[in-house]
Amino acid sequence: GRAAYSALFADSRRRVKEGWVYYLAPQIYWEFGNKAADYEILVRWWNDVFNGSEAKLYIGLADYRCNDASENSVWYNGAEIERQIGFNRSFGNISGEIHFRYKMINANNAVKQLLSRVYEREVRVLINNAEIEFDQPPIIKDSRTLVPMRKIFEEFGFDVEWNDETKT
């Protein structure tokens, strides 16, 4: 890859500091200890960039590297992805991850199971940076996110009623 700052003249850090972006998702597609681009060093740096910012930071992860990984690879069966997610959760400025790419995840049962387990009950709904509490929590079922919409509409000030006659 190319450095966004020097090759593309995109100063992402400045965009965060000036409040010009709502979120950034740096693609950190390397493993812990990589000599050219160590995952730990890059995540710590990005986390620090977002100190005092209202913008959201989502780390781009390289799930695709798990496909065809040999048994002695850190990527085998998603081990590196699981480690990276755990590491990310130790930082207050990281709002989540973006996984690349779905086709590869869908083709790798070990990674699919890992992500299902890691993100189990992780559906969070935020309105104006406040998490919404549901009486029936959102769930992920068969790769679909199901969210009780009534609470969301009520949070926006709408009245939601049930018509027993029309069942709507």
N, C-alpha and C. Protein backbone atom coordinates (compact mmCIF):
# COMPACT_ATOMS: atom_id res chain seq x y z
N GLY A 1 0.80 -1.19 0.00
CA GLY A 1 0.00 0.00 0.00
C GLY A 1 0.85 1.25 0.00
N ARG A 2 0.19 2.36 -0.20
CA ARG A 2 0.88 3.65 -0.20
C ARG A 2 0.44 4.45 1.02
N ALA A 3 1.30 5.31 1.46
CA ALA A 3 0.98 6.18 2.58
C ALA A 3 0.05 7.29 2.09
N ALA A 4 -1.09 7.43 2.74
CA ALA A 4 -2.08 8.42 2.31
C ALA A 4 -1.51 9.83 2.35
N TYR A 5 -0.70 10.11 3.35
CA TYR A 5 -0.19 11.47 3.53
C TYR A 5 0.77 11.86 2.41
N SER A 6 1.78 11.01 2.16
CA SER A 6 2.81 11.40 1.20
C SER A 6 2.46 11.07 -0.24
N ALA A 7 1.72 9.98 -0.47
CA ALA A 7 1.42 9.58 -1.84
C ALA A 7 0.12 10.20 -2.36
N LEU A 8 -0.85 10.39 -1.48
CA LEU A 8 -2.16 10.87 -1.92
C LEU A 8 -2.49 12.27 -1.41
N PHE A 9 -1.58 12.85 -0.62
CA PHE A 9 -1.75 14.18 -0.06
C PHE A 9 -3.03 14.29 0.79
N ALA A 10 -3.33 13.21 1.53
CA ALA A 10 -4.51 13.16 2.40
C ALA A 10 -4.03 13.16 3.85
N ASP A 11 -4.19 14.28 4.52
CA ASP A 11 -3.75 14.41 5.91
C ASP A 11 -4.91 14.02 6.83
N SER A 12 -5.05 12.72 7.05
CA SER A 12 -6.16 12.20 7.86
C SER A 12 -6.10 12.71 9.29
N ARG A 13 -4.91 12.81 9.83
CA ARG A 13 -4.76 13.30 11.20
C ARG A 13 -5.32 14.72 11.33
N ARG A 14 -4.99 15.57 10.39
CA ARG A 14 -5.50 16.95 10.43
C ARG A 14 -7.02 16.97 10.30
N ARG A 15 -7.56 16.11 9.47
CA ARG A 15 -9.01 16.06 9.28
C ARG A 15 -9.72 15.71 10.59
N VAL A 16 -9.11 14.83 11.38
CA VAL A 16 -9.68 14.49 12.69
C VAL A 16 -9.54 15.67 13.64
N LYS A 17 -8.34 16.22 13.74
CA LYS A 17 -8.08 17.31 14.68
C LYS A 17 -8.91 18.56 14.39
N GLU A 18 -9.18 18.82 13.11
CA GLU A 18 -9.97 20.00 12.73
C GLU A 18 -11.47 19.74 12.83
N GLY A 19 -11.86 18.48 13.08
CA GLY A 19 -13.28 18.15 13.17
C GLY A 19 -13.96 18.08 11.82
N TRP A 20 -13.21 17.79 10.78
CA TRP A 20 -13.75 17.77 9.43
C TRP A 20 -14.38 16.43 9.05
N VAL A 21 -14.19 15.40 9.86
CA VAL A 21 -14.72 14.07 9.54
C VAL A 21 -15.55 13.54 10.70
N TYR A 22 -16.49 12.68 10.38
CA TYR A 22 -17.32 12.03 11.40
C TYR A 22 -16.69 10.73 11.87
N TYR A 23 -15.96 10.10 10.97
CA TYR A 23 -15.28 8.86 11.33
C TYR A 23 -14.12 8.63 10.37
N LEU A 24 -13.20 7.81 10.82
CA LEU A 24 -12.11 7.32 9.96
C LEU A 24 -11.96 5.83 10.21
N ALA A 25 -11.54 5.13 9.18
CA ALA A 25 -11.31 3.70 9.29
C ALA A 25 -9.96 3.35 8.66
N PRO A 26 -8.87 3.59 9.40
CA PRO A 26 -7.56 3.23 8.85
C PRO A 26 -7.47 1.72 8.65
N GLN A 27 -6.96 1.33 7.52
CA GLN A 27 -6.83 -0.09 7.19
C GLN A 27 -5.50 -0.58 7.75
N ILE A 28 -5.57 -1.25 8.88
CA ILE A 28 -4.35 -1.75 9.52
C ILE A 28 -4.32 -3.25 9.27
N TYR A 29 -3.80 -3.61 8.11
CA TYR A 29 -3.87 -4.98 7.61
C TYR A 29 -2.62 -5.81 7.92
N TRP A 30 -1.90 -5.43 8.97
CA TRP A 30 -0.69 -6.14 9.34
C TRP A 30 -0.86 -6.75 10.71
N GLU A 31 0.02 -7.65 11.05
CA GLU A 31 -0.05 -8.35 12.33
C GLU A 31 0.81 -7.67 13.39
N PHE A 32 0.60 -8.06 14.63
CA PHE A 32 1.46 -7.62 15.71
C PHE A 32 2.89 -8.03 15.39
N GLY A 33 3.82 -7.11 15.60
CA GLY A 33 5.23 -7.43 15.41
C GLY A 33 5.73 -7.30 13.99
N ASN A 34 4.89 -6.95 13.04
CA ASN A 34 5.33 -6.78 11.66
C ASN A 34 6.40 -5.69 11.63
N LYS A 35 7.54 -5.99 11.05
CA LYS A 35 8.67 -5.05 11.07
C LYS A 35 8.38 -3.75 10.33
N ALA A 36 7.62 -3.82 9.25
CA ALA A 36 7.34 -2.62 8.46
C ALA A 36 6.18 -1.81 9.04
N ALA A 37 5.20 -2.49 9.62
CA ALA A 37 4.00 -1.80 10.12
C ALA A 37 3.39 -2.64 11.24
N ASP A 38 3.87 -2.44 12.44
CA ASP A 38 3.42 -3.20 13.61
C ASP A 38 2.01 -2.78 14.01
N TYR A 39 1.10 -3.76 14.09
CA TYR A 39 -0.29 -3.47 14.43
C TYR A 39 -0.40 -2.68 15.73
N GLU A 40 0.30 -3.08 16.75
CA GLU A 40 0.21 -2.42 18.06
C GLU A 40 0.60 -0.95 17.97
N ILE A 41 1.71 -0.67 17.32
CA ILE A 41 2.19 0.72 17.22
C ILE A 41 1.19 1.58 16.45
N LEU A 42 0.67 1.05 15.34
CA LEU A 42 -0.27 1.82 14.53
C LEU A 42 -1.58 2.09 15.26
N VAL A 43 -2.11 1.09 15.97
CA VAL A 43 -3.36 1.28 16.70
C VAL A 43 -3.18 2.29 17.83
N ARG A 44 -2.08 2.19 18.54
CA ARG A 44 -1.82 3.16 19.61
C ARG A 44 -1.73 4.59 19.04
N TRP A 45 -1.07 4.72 17.90
CA TRP A 45 -0.94 6.04 17.28
C TRP A 45 -2.31 6.59 16.89
N TRP A 46 -3.12 5.79 16.21
CA TRP A 46 -4.45 6.25 15.79
C TRP A 46 -5.32 6.57 17.01
N ASN A 47 -5.26 5.76 18.04
CA ASN A 47 -6.03 6.03 19.25
C ASN A 47 -5.66 7.41 19.81
N ASP A 48 -4.37 7.72 19.84
CA ASP A 48 -3.91 9.02 20.34
C ASP A 48 -4.38 10.17 19.45
N VAL A 49 -4.42 9.95 18.14
CA VAL A 49 -4.89 10.98 17.21
C VAL A 49 -6.32 11.40 17.57
N PHE A 50 -7.13 10.46 18.04
CA PHE A 50 -8.54 10.73 18.30
C PHE A 50 -8.80 11.29 19.70
N ASN A 51 -7.76 11.48 20.52
CA ASN A 51 -7.96 12.10 21.84
C ASN A 51 -8.60 13.47 21.68
N GLY A 52 -9.70 13.70 22.39
CA GLY A 52 -10.38 14.97 22.36
C GLY A 52 -11.26 15.19 21.14
N SER A 53 -11.38 14.21 20.29
CA SER A 53 -12.17 14.34 19.07
C SER A 53 -13.55 13.70 19.26
N GLU A 54 -14.54 14.26 18.57
CA GLU A 54 -15.87 13.64 18.57
C GLU A 54 -16.01 12.63 17.44
N ALA A 55 -15.05 12.58 16.54
CA ALA A 55 -15.09 11.64 15.43
C ALA A 55 -14.91 10.22 15.95
N LYS A 56 -15.43 9.28 15.19
CA LYS A 56 -15.34 7.86 15.55
C LYS A 56 -14.17 7.22 14.82
N LEU A 57 -13.52 6.30 15.51
CA LEU A 57 -12.40 5.55 14.94
C LEU A 57 -12.79 4.08 14.83
N TYR A 58 -12.77 3.57 13.61
CA TYR A 58 -13.03 2.16 13.34
C TYR A 58 -11.79 1.60 12.67
N ILE A 59 -11.25 0.53 13.21
CA ILE A 59 -10.03 -0.05 12.65
C ILE A 59 -10.39 -1.08 11.57
N GLY A 60 -9.81 -0.91 10.40
CA GLY A 60 -10.00 -1.87 9.31
C GLY A 60 -9.12 -3.09 9.53
N LEU A 61 -9.74 -4.27 9.57
CA LEU A 61 -9.01 -5.52 9.81
C LEU A 61 -8.95 -6.37 8.54
N ALA A 62 -7.89 -7.15 8.43
CA ALA A 62 -7.61 -7.93 7.23
C ALA A 62 -8.06 -9.38 7.37
N ASP A 63 -9.35 -9.60 7.52
CA ASP A 63 -9.87 -10.96 7.64
C ASP A 63 -9.47 -11.83 6.44
N TYR A 64 -9.34 -11.22 5.27
CA TYR A 64 -8.98 -11.96 4.06
C TYR A 64 -7.65 -12.71 4.22
N ARG A 65 -6.79 -12.24 5.10
CA ARG A 65 -5.48 -12.88 5.27
C ARG A 65 -5.59 -14.24 5.95
N CYS A 66 -6.75 -14.50 6.55
CA CYS A 66 -6.97 -15.80 7.21
C CYS A 66 -7.22 -16.91 6.20
N ASN A 67 -7.69 -16.56 5.02
CA ASN A 67 -7.95 -17.57 3.99
C ASN A 67 -6.63 -18.07 3.43
N ASP A 68 -6.54 -19.35 3.32
CA ASP A 68 -5.33 -20.01 2.80
C ASP A 68 -4.11 -19.80 3.69
N ALA A 69 -4.31 -19.39 4.94
CA ALA A 69 -3.18 -19.25 5.87
C ALA A 69 -2.74 -20.64 6.33
N SER A 70 -1.45 -20.85 6.41
CA SER A 70 -0.95 -22.14 6.86
C SER A 70 -1.10 -22.26 8.38
N GLU A 71 -1.02 -23.48 8.87
CA GLU A 71 -1.22 -23.73 10.31
C GLU A 71 -0.22 -22.98 11.18
N ASN A 72 0.96 -22.66 10.66
CA ASN A 72 1.95 -21.93 11.47
C ASN A 72 1.86 -20.41 11.30
N SER A 73 0.84 -19.93 10.59
CA SER A 73 0.64 -18.50 10.39
C SER A 73 -0.17 -17.92 11.54
N VAL A 74 0.14 -16.66 11.91
CA VAL A 74 -0.65 -15.99 12.95
C VAL A 74 -2.09 -15.77 12.50
N TRP A 75 -2.35 -15.83 11.21
CA TRP A 75 -3.68 -15.60 10.65
C TRP A 75 -4.53 -16.87 10.63
N TYR A 76 -3.93 -18.02 10.87
CA TYR A 76 -4.65 -19.29 10.76
C TYR A 76 -5.88 -19.32 11.68
N ASN A 77 -7.02 -19.69 11.11
CA ASN A 77 -8.30 -19.79 11.83
C ASN A 77 -8.71 -18.49 12.51
N GLY A 78 -8.18 -17.36 12.05
CA GLY A 78 -8.60 -16.07 12.59
C GLY A 78 -7.94 -15.68 13.90
N ALA A 79 -6.88 -16.39 14.28
CA ALA A 79 -6.24 -16.11 15.58
C ALA A 79 -5.77 -14.66 15.70
N GLU A 80 -5.19 -14.13 14.64
CA GLU A 80 -4.70 -12.74 14.68
C GLU A 80 -5.86 -11.75 14.75
N ILE A 81 -6.94 -12.04 14.06
CA ILE A 81 -8.12 -11.17 14.09
C ILE A 81 -8.68 -11.12 15.51
N GLU A 82 -8.78 -12.27 16.15
CA GLU A 82 -9.30 -12.31 17.53
C GLU A 82 -8.39 -11.51 18.47
N ARG A 83 -7.11 -11.66 18.30
CA ARG A 83 -6.15 -10.92 19.13
C ARG A 83 -6.28 -9.42 18.91
N GLN A 84 -6.43 -9.01 17.66
CA GLN A 84 -6.55 -7.59 17.33
C GLN A 84 -7.84 -6.99 17.90
N ILE A 85 -8.95 -7.71 17.80
CA ILE A 85 -10.21 -7.22 18.35
C ILE A 85 -10.07 -7.03 19.87
N GLY A 86 -9.49 -8.01 20.53
CA GLY A 86 -9.28 -7.90 21.97
C GLY A 86 -8.41 -6.71 22.33
N PHE A 87 -7.37 -6.48 21.57
CA PHE A 87 -6.48 -5.34 21.79
C PHE A 87 -7.24 -4.03 21.58
N ASN A 88 -8.02 -3.95 20.51
CA ASN A 88 -8.78 -2.73 20.22
C ASN A 88 -9.71 -2.36 21.36
N ARG A 89 -10.28 -3.34 22.01
CA ARG A 89 -11.25 -3.09 23.08
C ARG A 89 -10.61 -2.46 24.32
N SER A 90 -9.30 -2.44 24.36
CA SER A 90 -8.63 -1.82 25.50
C SER A 90 -8.44 -0.32 25.33
N PHE A 91 -8.91 0.23 24.21
CA PHE A 91 -8.73 1.65 23.91
C PHE A 91 -10.07 2.37 23.87
N GLY A 92 -10.16 3.49 24.56
CA GLY A 92 -11.40 4.24 24.64
C GLY A 92 -11.81 4.94 23.37
N ASN A 93 -10.88 5.23 22.48
CA ASN A 93 -11.22 5.97 21.27
C ASN A 93 -11.61 5.08 20.10
N ILE A 94 -11.48 3.78 20.25
CA ILE A 94 -11.81 2.87 19.15
C ILE A 94 -13.27 2.45 19.30
N SER A 95 -14.07 2.80 18.30
CA SER A 95 -15.51 2.51 18.35
C SER A 95 -15.86 1.15 17.78
N GLY A 96 -14.95 0.50 17.11
CA GLY A 96 -15.22 -0.81 16.54
C GLY A 96 -14.28 -1.13 15.41
N GLU A 97 -14.65 -2.17 14.67
CA GLU A 97 -13.82 -2.64 13.57
C GLU A 97 -14.65 -2.72 12.29
N ILE A 98 -13.93 -2.65 11.18
CA ILE A 98 -14.52 -2.92 9.86
C ILE A 98 -13.71 -4.08 9.29
N HIS A 99 -14.41 -5.12 8.89
CA HIS A 99 -13.76 -6.35 8.43
C HIS A 99 -13.75 -6.41 6.91
N PHE A 100 -12.57 -6.72 6.35
CA PHE A 100 -12.43 -6.83 4.91
C PHE A 100 -11.98 -8.25 4.57
N ARG A 101 -12.66 -8.86 3.84
CA ARG A 101 -13.81 -8.58 3.03
C ARG A 101 -14.82 -9.68 3.22
N TYR A 102 -16.09 -9.37 3.04
CA TYR A 102 -17.17 -10.30 3.38
C TYR A 102 -17.06 -11.62 2.62
N LYS A 103 -16.73 -11.55 1.36
CA LYS A 103 -16.63 -12.77 0.55
C LYS A 103 -15.63 -13.75 1.18
N MET A 104 -14.53 -13.23 1.68
CA MET A 104 -13.51 -14.08 2.31
C MET A 104 -13.98 -14.61 3.66
N ILE A 105 -14.66 -13.77 4.42
CA ILE A 105 -15.18 -14.20 5.72
C ILE A 105 -16.20 -15.31 5.51
N ASN A 106 -17.09 -15.10 4.56
CA ASN A 106 -18.15 -16.06 4.29
C ASN A 106 -17.61 -17.40 3.82
N ALA A 107 -16.43 -17.40 3.21
CA ALA A 107 -15.83 -18.63 2.71
C ALA A 107 -14.99 -19.36 3.78
N ASN A 108 -14.84 -18.77 4.96
CA ASN A 108 -13.97 -19.34 5.99
C ASN A 108 -14.79 -19.60 7.25
N ASN A 109 -15.19 -20.86 7.46
CA ASN A 109 -16.04 -21.20 8.59
C ASN A 109 -15.41 -20.85 9.93
N ALA A 110 -14.11 -21.02 10.06
CA ALA A 110 -13.44 -20.71 11.33
C ALA A 110 -13.57 -19.22 11.65
N VAL A 111 -13.39 -18.37 10.66
CA VAL A 111 -13.49 -16.93 10.87
C VAL A 111 -14.94 -16.52 11.11
N LYS A 112 -15.87 -17.12 10.37
CA LYS A 112 -17.30 -16.82 10.60
C LYS A 112 -17.69 -17.16 12.03
N GLN A 113 -17.28 -18.33 12.50
CA GLN A 113 -17.61 -18.74 13.88
C GLN A 113 -16.94 -17.81 14.89
N LEU A 114 -15.71 -17.44 14.64
CA LEU A 114 -14.99 -16.53 15.53
C LEU A 114 -15.75 -15.20 15.65
N LEU A 115 -16.11 -14.61 14.53
CA LEU A 115 -16.79 -13.32 14.55
C LEU A 115 -18.17 -13.42 15.20
N SER A 116 -18.87 -14.51 14.96
CA SER A 116 -20.17 -14.71 15.62
C SER A 116 -19.99 -14.76 17.13
N ARG A 117 -18.97 -15.45 17.58
CA ARG A 117 -18.72 -15.57 19.02
C ARG A 117 -18.25 -14.24 19.61
N VAL A 118 -17.34 -13.56 18.95
CA VAL A 118 -16.77 -12.31 19.46
C VAL A 118 -17.82 -11.21 19.53
N TYR A 119 -18.69 -11.15 18.51
CA TYR A 119 -19.67 -10.08 18.46
C TYR A 119 -21.05 -10.50 18.97
N GLU A 120 -21.12 -11.66 19.58
CA GLU A 120 -22.39 -12.12 20.14
C GLU A 120 -22.92 -11.07 21.11
N ARG A 121 -24.16 -10.68 20.93
CA ARG A 121 -24.82 -9.68 21.76
C ARG A 121 -24.10 -8.33 21.73
N GLU A 122 -23.46 -8.04 20.64
CA GLU A 122 -22.71 -6.80 20.53
C GLU A 122 -23.47 -5.73 19.75
N VAL A 123 -24.72 -5.97 19.42
CA VAL A 123 -25.45 -4.98 18.66
C VAL A 123 -25.76 -3.81 19.59
N ARG A 124 -25.24 -2.67 19.24
CA ARG A 124 -25.48 -1.45 20.01
C ARG A 124 -26.11 -0.43 19.08
N VAL A 125 -27.11 0.26 19.58
CA VAL A 125 -27.75 1.32 18.81
C VAL A 125 -27.52 2.62 19.56
N LEU A 126 -26.95 3.59 18.85
CA LEU A 126 -26.66 4.90 19.45
C LEU A 126 -27.47 5.98 18.73
N ILE A 127 -28.06 6.86 19.50
CA ILE A 127 -28.70 8.04 18.94
C ILE A 127 -28.09 9.24 19.67
N ASN A 128 -27.47 10.13 18.89
CA ASN A 128 -26.76 11.28 19.46
C ASN A 128 -25.74 10.84 20.52
N ASN A 129 -24.99 9.81 20.20
CA ASN A 129 -23.93 9.27 21.06
C ASN A 129 -24.44 8.66 22.36
N ALA A 130 -25.73 8.43 22.50
CA ALA A 130 -26.29 7.79 23.69
C ALA A 130 -26.80 6.41 23.29
N GLU A 131 -26.37 5.40 24.04
CA GLU A 131 -26.81 4.04 23.73
C GLU A 131 -28.26 3.84 24.15
N ILE A 132 -29.02 3.22 23.27
CA ILE A 132 -30.44 2.96 23.52
C ILE A 132 -30.57 1.62 24.24
N GLU A 133 -31.36 1.61 25.30
CA GLU A 133 -31.65 0.38 26.04
C GLU A 133 -32.99 -0.17 25.57
N PHE A 134 -33.01 -1.41 25.16
CA PHE A 134 -34.21 -2.05 24.64
C PHE A 134 -34.77 -3.02 25.68
N ASP A 135 -36.11 -3.19 25.70
CA ASP A 135 -36.68 -4.24 26.55
C ASP A 135 -36.43 -5.61 25.92
N GLN A 136 -36.35 -5.66 24.60
CA GLN A 136 -35.96 -6.86 23.85
C GLN A 136 -34.72 -6.47 23.06
N PRO A 137 -33.54 -7.00 23.42
CA PRO A 137 -32.31 -6.52 22.78
C PRO A 137 -32.20 -6.89 21.30
N PRO A 138 -31.50 -6.07 20.53
CA PRO A 138 -31.21 -6.42 19.14
C PRO A 138 -30.39 -7.71 19.09
N ILE A 139 -30.58 -8.47 18.04
CA ILE A 139 -29.85 -9.74 17.90
C ILE A 139 -29.33 -9.88 16.47
N ILE A 140 -28.38 -10.77 16.32
CA ILE A 140 -27.91 -11.17 15.00
C ILE A 140 -28.35 -12.61 14.81
N LYS A 141 -29.14 -12.85 13.77
CA LYS A 141 -29.64 -14.19 13.50
C LYS A 141 -29.46 -14.48 12.02
N ASP A 142 -28.83 -15.59 11.72
CA ASP A 142 -28.60 -15.98 10.33
C ASP A 142 -27.96 -14.85 9.52
N SER A 143 -26.95 -14.23 10.11
CA SER A 143 -26.19 -13.15 9.47
C SER A 143 -27.02 -11.89 9.21
N ARG A 144 -28.14 -11.75 9.89
CA ARG A 144 -28.97 -10.54 9.76
C ARG A 144 -29.11 -9.89 11.12
N THR A 145 -29.08 -8.57 11.14
CA THR A 145 -29.25 -7.82 12.38
C THR A 145 -30.72 -7.44 12.53
N LEU A 146 -31.30 -7.87 13.65
CA LEU A 146 -32.71 -7.60 13.92
C LEU A 146 -32.80 -6.63 15.10
N VAL A 147 -33.41 -5.48 14.86
CA VAL A 147 -33.47 -4.42 15.87
C VAL A 147 -34.94 -4.05 16.10
N PRO A 148 -35.40 -4.04 17.36
CA PRO A 148 -36.77 -3.58 17.65
C PRO A 148 -36.90 -2.10 17.33
N MET A 149 -37.64 -1.79 16.29
CA MET A 149 -37.72 -0.42 15.79
C MET A 149 -38.58 0.49 16.67
N ARG A 150 -39.50 -0.06 17.43
CA ARG A 150 -40.39 0.77 18.25
C ARG A 150 -39.58 1.73 19.13
N LYS A 151 -38.60 1.20 19.82
CA LYS A 151 -37.80 2.02 20.74
C LYS A 151 -37.06 3.13 20.00
N ILE A 152 -36.58 2.82 18.82
CA ILE A 152 -35.88 3.83 18.03
C ILE A 152 -36.83 4.96 17.64
N PHE A 153 -38.01 4.60 17.15
CA PHE A 153 -38.99 5.62 16.78
C PHE A 153 -39.38 6.46 17.99
N GLU A 154 -39.56 5.82 19.13
CA GLU A 154 -39.92 6.56 20.35
C GLU A 154 -38.80 7.51 20.77
N GLU A 155 -37.56 7.10 20.60
CA GLU A 155 -36.42 7.97 20.92
C GLU A 155 -36.41 9.22 20.05
N PHE A 156 -36.94 9.10 18.83
CA PHE A 156 -37.02 10.25 17.94
C PHE A 156 -38.29 11.07 18.18
N GLY A 157 -39.09 10.67 19.20
CA GLY A 157 -40.25 11.45 19.57
C GLY A 157 -41.55 11.03 18.92
N PHE A 158 -41.56 9.91 18.21
CA PHE A 158 -42.78 9.44 17.57
C PHE A 158 -43.60 8.59 18.54
N ASP A 159 -44.91 8.63 18.38
CA ASP A 159 -45.79 7.74 19.13
C ASP A 159 -45.99 6.47 18.33
N VAL A 160 -45.79 5.34 18.96
CA VAL A 160 -45.97 4.05 18.29
C VAL A 160 -47.10 3.33 19.00
N GLU A 161 -48.10 2.96 18.23
CA GLU A 161 -49.27 2.29 18.79
C GLU A 161 -49.56 1.02 18.01
N TRP A 162 -50.24 0.09 18.65
CA TRP A 162 -50.63 -1.17 18.04
C TRP A 162 -52.12 -1.15 17.77
N ASN A 163 -52.51 -1.47 16.53
CA ASN A 163 -53.91 -1.57 16.16
C ASN A 163 -54.25 -3.05 16.08
N ASP A 164 -54.98 -3.55 17.08
CA ASP A 164 -55.29 -4.97 17.16
C ASP A 164 -56.20 -5.43 16.03
N GLU A 165 -57.02 -4.51 15.55
CA GLU A 165 -57.96 -4.87 14.48
C GLU A 165 -57.23 -5.18 13.17
N THR A 166 -56.26 -4.33 12.83
CA THR A 166 -55.52 -4.51 11.57
C THR A 166 -54.21 -5.24 11.76
N LYS A 167 -53.85 -5.49 13.03
CA LYS A 167 -52.60 -6.17 13.37
C LYS A 167 -51.39 -5.40 12.85
N THR A 168 -51.48 -4.07 12.95
CA THR A 168 -50.36 -3.23 12.52
C THR A 168 -50.07 -2.18 13.56
